[in-house]
Protein backbone atom coordinates (compact mmCIF):
# COMPACT_ATOMS: atom_id res chain seq x y z
CA UNK A 1 -5.12 25.66 16.01
CA UNK A 2 -6.88 28.65 14.24
CA UNK A 3 -9.61 26.37 11.81
CA UNK A 4 -12.10 23.75 12.54
CA UNK A 5 -9.49 21.25 11.34
CA UNK A 6 -12.88 20.09 9.13
CA UNK A 7 -10.31 18.83 6.33
CA UNK A 8 -8.78 16.93 8.67
CA UNK A 9 -11.72 15.87 10.28
CA UNK A 10 -12.87 14.19 6.50
CA UNK A 11 -9.32 12.24 6.36
CA UNK A 12 -10.12 10.11 9.44
CA UNK A 13 -12.47 7.62 7.76
CA UNK A 14 -9.69 6.87 5.21
CA UNK A 15 -7.48 6.11 8.14
CA UNK A 16 -9.46 3.99 10.12
CA UNK A 17 -10.37 2.02 6.77
CA UNK A 18 -6.60 1.67 6.30
CA UNK A 19 -5.50 0.80 9.79
CA UNK A 20 -8.03 -2.41 9.50
CA UNK A 21 -6.64 -3.20 6.52
CA UNK A 22 -3.07 -3.20 7.53
CA UNK A 23 -3.74 -4.91 10.83
CA UNK A 24 -5.87 -7.46 8.25
CA UNK A 25 -2.95 -7.60 6.10
CA UNK A 26 -0.62 -8.19 9.35
CA UNK A 27 -2.32 -11.47 10.73
CA UNK A 28 -2.69 -12.43 6.72
CA UNK A 29 1.00 -12.50 6.52
CA UNK A 30 1.65 -14.02 10.02
CA UNK A 31 -0.14 -17.38 8.92
CA UNK A 32 1.25 -17.60 5.58
CA UNK A 33 4.62 -17.40 7.23
CA UNK A 34 3.39 -19.95 9.90
CA UNK A 35 2.24 -22.04 6.61
CA UNK A 36 5.28 -21.83 5.06
CA UNK A 37 7.38 -22.90 7.68
CA UNK A 38 9.26 -19.49 8.33
CA UNK A 39 9.33 -17.35 11.57
CA UNK A 40 6.94 -14.09 11.26
CA UNK A 41 10.05 -11.64 10.93
CA UNK A 42 11.19 -13.64 7.49
CA UNK A 43 11.70 -10.37 5.13
CA UNK A 44 9.98 -8.03 7.34
CA UNK A 45 13.40 -6.14 7.31
CA UNK A 46 13.12 -5.55 3.51
CA UNK A 47 9.91 -4.88 3.23
CA UNK A 48 10.02 -2.56 5.97
CA UNK A 49 12.74 -0.37 4.68
CA UNK A 50 11.81 -0.68 1.48
CA UNK A 51 8.50 1.17 2.51
CA UNK A 52 9.76 3.74 4.38
CA UNK A 53 11.75 4.51 1.40
CA UNK A 54 9.42 5.02 -0.53
CA UNK A 55 6.88 6.52 1.48
CA UNK A 56 9.50 8.93 2.03
CA UNK A 57 9.47 9.85 -1.59
CA UNK A 58 5.91 9.78 -1.49
CA UNK A 59 5.92 12.19 1.18
CA UNK A 60 8.54 14.79 0.04
CA UNK A 61 6.84 14.55 -3.66
CA UNK A 62 3.30 15.32 -2.14
CA UNK A 63 5.12 18.69 -0.47
CA UNK A 64 6.73 19.54 -3.16
CA UNK A 65 3.72 19.24 -6.00
CA UNK A 66 0.93 20.52 -3.79
CA UNK A 67 3.04 23.75 -2.46
CA UNK A 68 3.47 24.27 -6.25
CA UNK A 69 -0.32 23.79 -7.35
CA UNK A 70 -1.38 25.74 -4.09
CA UNK A 71 0.87 28.69 -4.65
CA UNK A 72 -0.08 28.50 -8.41
CA UNK A 73 -3.93 28.98 -7.30
CA UNK A 74 -4.86 25.95 -9.39
CA UNK A 75 -6.13 24.67 -5.66
CA UNK A 76 -7.43 26.79 -3.05
CA UNK A 77 -7.88 25.56 1.22
CA UNK A 78 -10.94 27.31 2.71
CA UNK A 79 -8.88 28.93 6.13
CA UNK A 80 -11.62 28.20 8.26
CA UNK A 81 -11.48 24.93 7.80
CA UNK A 82 -8.32 23.85 7.95
CA UNK A 83 -6.25 22.87 11.53
CA UNK A 84 -3.50 26.19 10.58
CA UNK A 85 -0.46 23.92 10.44
CA UNK A 86 0.90 24.65 7.10
CA UNK A 87 4.33 23.05 5.35
CA UNK A 88 4.61 25.87 3.10
CA UNK A 89 1.26 26.83 1.52
CA UNK A 90 -0.39 23.85 2.15
CA UNK A 91 -1.61 22.04 5.00
CA UNK A 92 -0.64 19.27 7.24
CA UNK A 93 -4.05 17.73 6.59
CA UNK A 94 -3.34 17.75 2.97
CA UNK A 95 -0.73 14.77 3.84
CA UNK A 96 -3.23 12.30 5.03
CA UNK A 97 -4.05 11.10 1.99
CA UNK A 98 -0.40 10.23 1.25
CA UNK A 99 0.19 8.72 4.61
CA UNK A 100 -2.85 6.48 4.26
CA UNK A 101 -1.47 5.26 0.36
CA UNK A 102 2.12 4.81 2.12
CA UNK A 103 0.03 2.01 4.86
CA UNK A 104 -2.30 0.68 2.62
CA UNK A 105 -0.50 0.33 -0.51
CA UNK A 106 1.72 -2.89 0.94
CA UNK A 107 -0.98 -3.87 3.19
CA UNK A 108 -3.40 -4.41 -0.26
CA UNK A 109 -0.38 -5.91 -1.69
CA UNK A 110 0.27 -8.69 1.04
CA UNK A 111 -4.01 -8.88 0.73
CA UNK A 112 -3.51 -9.47 -3.21
CA UNK A 113 -0.96 -12.02 -3.30
CA UNK A 114 -1.79 -15.13 -4.71
CA UNK A 115 2.16 -16.19 -5.11
CA UNK A 116 1.31 -19.41 -2.89
CA UNK A 117 -1.34 -20.67 -4.94
CA UNK A 118 1.33 -20.71 -7.72
CA UNK A 119 3.62 -22.26 -5.68
CA UNK A 120 0.90 -24.83 -5.35
CA UNK A 121 0.07 -25.06 -9.04
CA UNK A 122 3.67 -25.86 -9.84
CA UNK A 123 3.93 -28.39 -7.66
CA UNK A 124 1.32 -30.61 -9.07
CA UNK A 125 2.71 -33.49 -11.18
CA UNK A 126 3.03 -32.54 -14.75
CA UNK A 127 0.05 -34.33 -17.10
CA UNK A 128 1.30 -37.70 -18.33
CA UNK A 129 2.39 -37.21 -22.32
CA UNK A 130 0.33 -38.32 -24.99
CA UNK A 131 1.96 -41.17 -26.93
CA UNK A 132 2.72 -40.11 -30.82
CA UNK A 133 0.61 -42.12 -33.04
CA UNK A 134 1.77 -45.30 -34.88
CA UNK A 135 3.85 -44.46 -38.61
CA UNK A 136 2.60 -46.45 -41.65
CA UNK A 137 5.47 -48.13 -42.69
CA UNK A 138 3.78 -50.15 -45.85
């Protein structure tokens, strides 16, 4: 490492928040599964595989497009503030936000999911239909 790594240190709070949200989402998902009578692993394989594929796509696109904008000098990094490790023209610290998004978005999806509330609303009995007014036969 040749630089001070200030950009990497800047990403640490984001990783901290991401880790806390991911742990809370895991706890919430396990409790919801237990309340629904399912094991905590139900559907986990599909969710992990989907997240993995989307995460790889996001990282590849970030690497490609960030290399383009750095190579075109639209964005520049101070060499004194990067760790020194690079992928093409970009410092590895540039991938921190994409990696946080890969974990944070599915976690927020779990936390903000309201399908259980909708399912409970669907289970309520339908209201009694009101009788139609009698027709006048005169």
